[in-house]
Amino acid sequence: MAKLPISAFIICQNEEAYLGNCIESLVDFSEIVIVDSGSSDGTVDLIHSYIESGWPIRLFHEAWRGYAAQKQFALDQCEQPWCFNIDSDERLDAALKKLLPELVEAPSNVVGWRVARRPYLIGFGYTPESVKERKNLRLIRKGAGAYDLTQAVHEGIVTRGQVEKAKTGSLLHYRPLILDEQILKENKYSTLKAQQQFLAGKKPSALKLVFSPWLYFLRLYLKNGLWRCGTAGFIEAMTGAVYAFLTQAKLYQRSVLKKRPNQDDASGH
């Protein structure tokens, strides 16, 4: 069977535990571009083992530039007509693999495809196909767009042309972190997001501070359907609400500290 005219591109660092299953889900791709930013575990050895087995992997070593810039570097190395953005802890489900040949035959006015993602929840497993995260642009024609380098987190490609949504199929996200570890990740991402907004001159909003966590929770729990996943789904939605709260609270504190730096005025009390 002929390979699909797609370059998958992956950025990674210390992903030995996850990367193998990601690579193996890309068996139908003509090229796999991997950019490692200094792994100290067995990630690089794992990649070389796949290369030695005949997998069409091109490995690059590049110091960390930030999420958007690192992914742009990886995208720039792709040589196939279509490019697919995938993380080390993601893999294609069967429905997406089946649909890809149709997606790459899209009319020339379609330059990209948005794809759903289904996370693995501790105590539940992968969410069912009816429970999906928001569809994000993952498959793009070579040269039809570039990453917005101003985005510190939740980076995305800005395209020149029409983008459609894949009607079926999902990426499966497998990184089952216990809440102790997941909260540290949400803390890191909310810091990046708040700092990005602060540097862009965005003002804090009391309404967003109060209501954005609830809206975030309701979107995940009701609209995305996490209510179907029992307690595990509730925890996932609440974790998202924590991220939304932390982002708004950090933006508020950065803004007020600029106007009123902390000062120990205990002598006046």
Protein backbone atom coordinates (compact mmCIF):
# COMPACT_ATOMS: atom_id res chain seq x y z
CA MET A 1 0.00 0.00 0.00
CA ALA A 2 1.38 3.41 -0.99
CA LYS A 3 2.28 5.77 1.81
CA LEU A 4 0.20 8.90 2.34
CA PRO A 5 1.81 12.16 1.11
CA ILE A 6 2.03 13.46 4.68
CA SER A 7 4.91 14.55 6.90
CA ALA A 8 4.10 14.11 10.58
CA PHE A 9 6.06 16.52 12.76
CA ILE A 10 6.75 16.03 16.46
CA ILE A 11 8.63 18.08 19.03
CA CYS A 12 9.86 16.20 22.06
CA GLN A 13 12.00 16.11 25.17
CA ASN A 14 12.15 13.12 27.49
CA GLU A 15 9.20 11.32 25.92
CA GLU A 16 10.55 7.75 25.98
CA ALA A 17 7.43 6.45 27.73
CA TYR A 18 5.02 7.80 25.11
CA LEU A 19 6.75 8.33 21.76
CA GLY A 20 6.83 4.73 20.55
CA ASN A 21 3.06 4.33 20.31
CA CYS A 22 2.84 7.73 18.62
CA ILE A 23 5.33 6.71 15.93
CA GLU A 24 3.63 3.38 15.32
CA SER A 25 0.29 5.07 14.72
CA LEU A 26 1.98 6.94 11.82
CA VAL A 27 2.79 3.79 9.87
CA ASP A 28 0.98 5.06 6.74
CA PHE A 29 2.86 8.39 6.60
CA SER A 30 5.64 9.03 4.07
CA GLU A 31 7.75 11.01 6.52
CA ILE A 32 8.07 11.58 10.27
CA VAL A 33 10.02 14.66 11.37
CA ILE A 34 11.09 14.61 15.02
CA VAL A 35 12.76 17.58 16.71
CA ASP A 36 14.35 16.75 20.06
CA SER A 37 15.30 19.60 22.38
CA GLY A 38 17.77 17.80 24.61
CA SER A 39 16.32 14.57 25.99
CA SER A 40 18.24 13.02 28.88
CA ASP A 41 16.28 9.75 29.03
CA GLY A 42 16.11 7.07 26.35
CA THR A 43 14.09 9.11 23.85
CA VAL A 44 16.87 9.56 21.29
CA ASP A 45 17.91 5.91 21.50
CA LEU A 46 14.28 4.93 20.96
CA ILE A 47 14.07 7.13 17.86
CA HIS A 48 17.28 5.64 16.46
CA SER A 49 15.89 2.14 16.97
CA TYR A 50 12.94 3.04 14.74
CA ILE A 51 15.24 4.61 12.14
CA GLU A 52 17.36 1.46 12.08
CA SER A 53 14.17 -0.57 11.56
CA GLY A 54 13.41 1.36 8.38
CA TRP A 55 10.92 3.93 9.60
CA PRO A 56 11.00 7.16 7.50
CA ILE A 57 12.13 9.32 10.40
CA ARG A 58 14.30 12.43 10.09
CA LEU A 59 15.67 13.41 13.51
CA PHE A 60 16.79 16.95 14.32
CA HIS A 61 18.35 18.31 17.50
CA GLU A 62 17.36 21.88 18.30
CA ALA A 63 17.60 23.91 21.51
CA TRP A 64 14.24 24.91 22.95
CA ARG A 65 12.78 28.01 21.28
CA GLY A 66 9.34 28.06 22.89
CA TYR A 67 6.30 26.02 21.84
CA ALA A 68 5.32 27.97 18.73
CA ALA A 69 8.85 28.56 17.44
CA GLN A 70 9.86 24.94 18.07
CA LYS A 71 6.87 23.65 16.14
CA GLN A 72 7.55 26.12 13.33
CA PHE A 73 11.10 24.78 13.07
CA ALA A 74 9.70 21.24 12.84
CA LEU A 75 7.13 22.29 10.23
CA ASP A 76 9.87 23.93 8.16
CA GLN A 77 11.68 20.58 7.90
CA CYS A 78 8.68 18.76 6.40
CA GLU A 79 8.99 17.78 2.75
CA GLN A 80 5.65 16.16 1.90
CA PRO A 81 2.64 18.02 0.33
CA TRP A 82 0.71 17.74 3.61
CA CYS A 83 2.00 18.25 7.18
CA PHE A 84 0.46 16.76 10.33
CA ASN A 85 1.10 18.20 13.80
CA ILE A 86 1.08 15.51 16.49
CA ASP A 87 2.46 15.41 20.04
CA SER A 88 4.51 12.57 21.51
CA ASP A 89 1.65 11.51 23.78
CA GLU A 90 -0.92 11.39 20.97
CA ARG A 91 -1.80 8.67 18.49
CA LEU A 92 -4.30 8.30 15.63
CA ASP A 93 -7.42 6.24 16.25
CA ALA A 94 -8.67 3.76 13.63
CA ALA A 95 -11.34 6.12 12.27
CA LEU A 96 -8.83 8.91 11.63
CA LYS A 97 -6.42 6.53 9.90
CA LYS A 98 -9.26 5.42 7.63
CA LEU A 99 -10.28 9.01 6.83
CA LEU A 100 -6.82 10.46 6.07
CA PRO A 101 -6.66 9.30 2.41
CA GLU A 102 -9.87 11.24 1.79
CA LEU A 103 -8.59 14.36 3.57
CA VAL A 104 -5.41 14.62 1.48
CA GLU A 105 -7.53 14.43 -1.70
CA ALA A 106 -9.39 17.61 -0.73
CA PRO A 107 -9.99 20.32 -3.38
CA SER A 108 -7.14 22.79 -3.77
CA ASN A 109 -9.08 25.55 -2.00
CA VAL A 110 -9.02 23.49 1.24
CA VAL A 111 -5.65 24.06 2.89
CA GLY A 112 -6.21 22.42 6.27
CA TRP A 113 -8.26 20.11 8.45
CA ARG A 114 -9.31 20.41 12.07
CA VAL A 115 -9.26 17.17 14.04
CA ALA A 116 -10.88 16.17 17.33
CA ARG A 117 -8.93 14.79 20.27
CA ARG A 118 -10.03 12.33 22.94
CA PRO A 119 -8.12 12.21 26.25
CA TYR A 120 -7.41 9.21 28.45
CA LEU A 121 -8.99 9.70 31.88
CA ILE A 122 -7.70 7.93 34.97
CA GLY A 123 -10.31 5.43 36.15
CA PHE A 124 -12.20 5.55 32.83
CA GLY A 125 -9.90 5.20 29.81
CA TYR A 126 -10.25 7.04 26.52
CA THR A 127 -13.40 9.12 26.28
CA PRO A 128 -15.96 7.71 23.81
CA GLU A 129 -16.28 9.17 20.31
CA SER A 130 -19.25 11.26 21.47
CA VAL A 131 -16.98 13.04 24.00
CA LYS A 132 -14.39 15.12 22.15
CA GLU A 133 -12.28 18.18 22.77
CA ARG A 134 -12.58 21.17 20.48
CA LYS A 135 -11.31 20.39 16.97
CA ASN A 136 -7.95 22.01 16.24
CA LEU A 137 -6.00 22.48 13.02
CA ARG A 138 -3.62 19.53 12.70
CA LEU A 139 -3.32 18.75 8.98
CA ILE A 140 -2.18 21.53 6.64
CA ARG A 141 -0.83 21.82 3.13
CA LYS A 142 2.88 22.54 2.98
CA GLY A 143 3.42 26.30 2.73
CA ALA A 144 -0.20 27.22 3.46
CA GLY A 145 0.37 28.65 6.92
CA ALA A 146 2.75 29.29 9.81
CA TYR A 147 2.67 29.36 13.60
CA ASP A 148 1.87 32.59 15.41
CA LEU A 149 5.16 33.13 17.25
CA THR A 150 3.54 35.55 19.71
CA GLN A 151 1.66 32.68 21.35
CA ALA A 152 3.49 31.32 24.40
CA VAL A 153 1.06 28.42 24.90
CA HIS A 154 -1.82 26.78 23.01
CA GLU A 155 0.07 27.69 19.86
CA GLY A 156 -1.74 27.49 16.54
CA ILE A 157 -1.14 27.78 12.82
CA VAL A 158 -2.38 30.87 10.98
CA THR A 159 -3.48 29.71 7.53
CA ARG A 160 -3.94 31.25 4.13
CA GLY A 161 -7.03 29.54 2.84
CA GLN A 162 -10.06 27.46 3.77
CA VAL A 163 -9.94 25.09 6.75
CA GLU A 164 -12.52 22.34 7.23
CA LYS A 165 -13.40 19.97 10.09
CA ALA A 166 -12.77 16.25 9.76
CA LYS A 167 -16.16 14.58 10.11
CA THR A 168 -14.86 11.49 11.91
CA GLY A 169 -11.75 10.28 13.66
CA SER A 170 -9.76 11.56 16.61
CA LEU A 171 -6.33 11.87 18.07
CA LEU A 172 -6.02 9.84 21.27
CA HIS A 173 -4.21 11.71 24.04
CA TYR A 174 -2.45 9.37 26.46
CA ARG A 175 -0.80 11.11 29.40
CA PRO A 176 -2.63 9.89 32.51
CA LEU A 177 -1.17 12.20 35.15
CA ILE A 178 -2.50 11.96 38.69
CA LEU A 179 -3.99 15.25 39.86
CA ASP A 180 -0.89 16.10 41.90
CA GLU A 181 1.10 16.23 38.65
CA GLN A 182 -1.65 17.59 36.41
CA ILE A 183 -2.12 20.65 38.61
CA LEU A 184 1.58 21.45 38.20
CA LYS A 185 1.08 21.32 34.42
CA GLU A 186 -1.99 23.58 34.62
CA ASN A 187 0.00 25.97 36.81
CA LYS A 188 2.79 26.12 34.21
CA TYR A 189 0.43 26.66 31.27
CA SER A 190 -1.64 29.28 33.10
CA THR A 191 1.56 31.18 33.90
CA LEU A 192 2.56 31.20 30.23
CA LYS A 193 -0.92 32.31 29.19
CA ALA A 194 -1.21 35.06 31.81
CA GLN A 195 2.25 36.38 31.01
CA GLN A 196 1.43 36.41 27.29
CA GLN A 197 -1.76 38.39 27.94
CA PHE A 198 0.00 40.77 30.33
CA LEU A 199 2.78 41.54 27.86
CA ALA A 200 0.15 42.12 25.17
CA GLY A 201 -1.44 44.80 27.37
CA LYS A 202 -4.59 42.87 28.21
CA LYS A 203 -6.41 44.23 31.26
CA PRO A 204 -7.76 41.98 34.03
CA SER A 205 -11.50 41.60 34.33
CA ALA A 206 -13.38 40.90 37.54
CA LEU A 207 -16.19 39.32 35.52
CA LYS A 208 -13.77 36.93 33.80
CA LEU A 209 -12.12 36.11 37.13
CA VAL A 210 -15.49 35.08 38.55
CA PHE A 211 -17.22 33.54 35.55
CA SER A 212 -14.55 32.13 33.21
CA PRO A 213 -13.84 29.09 35.44
CA TRP A 214 -17.54 28.23 35.48
CA LEU A 215 -17.92 28.75 31.73
CA TYR A 216 -14.82 26.64 31.11
CA PHE A 217 -16.23 23.88 33.31
CA LEU A 218 -19.64 23.96 31.64
CA ARG A 219 -18.12 23.85 28.16
CA LEU A 220 -16.07 20.79 29.01
CA TYR A 221 -18.67 19.02 31.15
CA LEU A 222 -21.86 19.72 29.20
CA LYS A 223 -20.96 20.81 25.66
CA ASN A 224 -17.99 18.46 25.19
CA GLY A 225 -19.86 15.71 27.03
CA LEU A 226 -17.53 14.86 29.89
CA TRP A 227 -20.62 14.19 32.00
CA ARG A 228 -20.77 10.87 30.15
CA CYS A 229 -17.50 9.82 31.82
CA GLY A 230 -18.68 9.82 35.42
CA THR A 231 -16.37 10.96 38.21
CA ALA A 232 -13.33 10.94 35.91
CA GLY A 233 -15.10 13.35 33.55
CA PHE A 234 -16.08 15.66 36.41
CA ILE A 235 -12.46 15.80 37.62
CA GLU A 236 -11.25 16.57 34.07
CA ALA A 237 -13.72 19.44 33.70
CA MET A 238 -12.90 20.85 37.13
CA THR A 239 -9.19 20.74 36.31
CA GLY A 240 -9.90 22.85 33.25
CA ALA A 241 -11.79 25.32 35.43
CA VAL A 242 -8.75 25.58 37.71
CA TYR A 243 -6.60 26.47 34.69
CA ALA A 244 -9.08 29.19 33.68
CA PHE A 245 -9.13 30.63 37.22
CA LEU A 246 -5.35 30.61 37.58
CA THR A 247 -4.93 32.37 34.25
CA GLN A 248 -7.27 35.21 35.20
CA ALA A 249 -5.93 35.49 38.77
CA LYS A 250 -2.31 35.66 37.55
CA LEU A 251 -3.19 38.32 35.00
CA TYR A 252 -4.87 40.34 37.79
CA GLN A 253 -1.88 40.07 40.12
CA ARG A 254 0.63 41.02 37.43
CA SER A 255 -1.46 44.07 36.56
CA VAL A 256 -1.99 45.34 40.11
CA LEU A 257 1.64 44.76 41.08
CA LYS A 258 2.66 47.08 38.26
CA LYS A 259 0.49 49.84 39.76
CA ARG A 260 1.00 49.01 43.42
CA PRO A 261 4.18 47.04 44.22
CA ASN A 262 4.18 45.07 47.45
CA GLN A 263 5.39 47.08 50.44
CA ASP A 264 5.55 46.06 54.05
CA ASP A 265 3.71 48.92 55.75
CA ALA A 266 3.19 47.18 59.11
CA SER A 267 4.52 50.23 60.99
CA GLY A 268 1.39 52.15 60.02
CA HIS A 269 -0.97 49.61 61.60
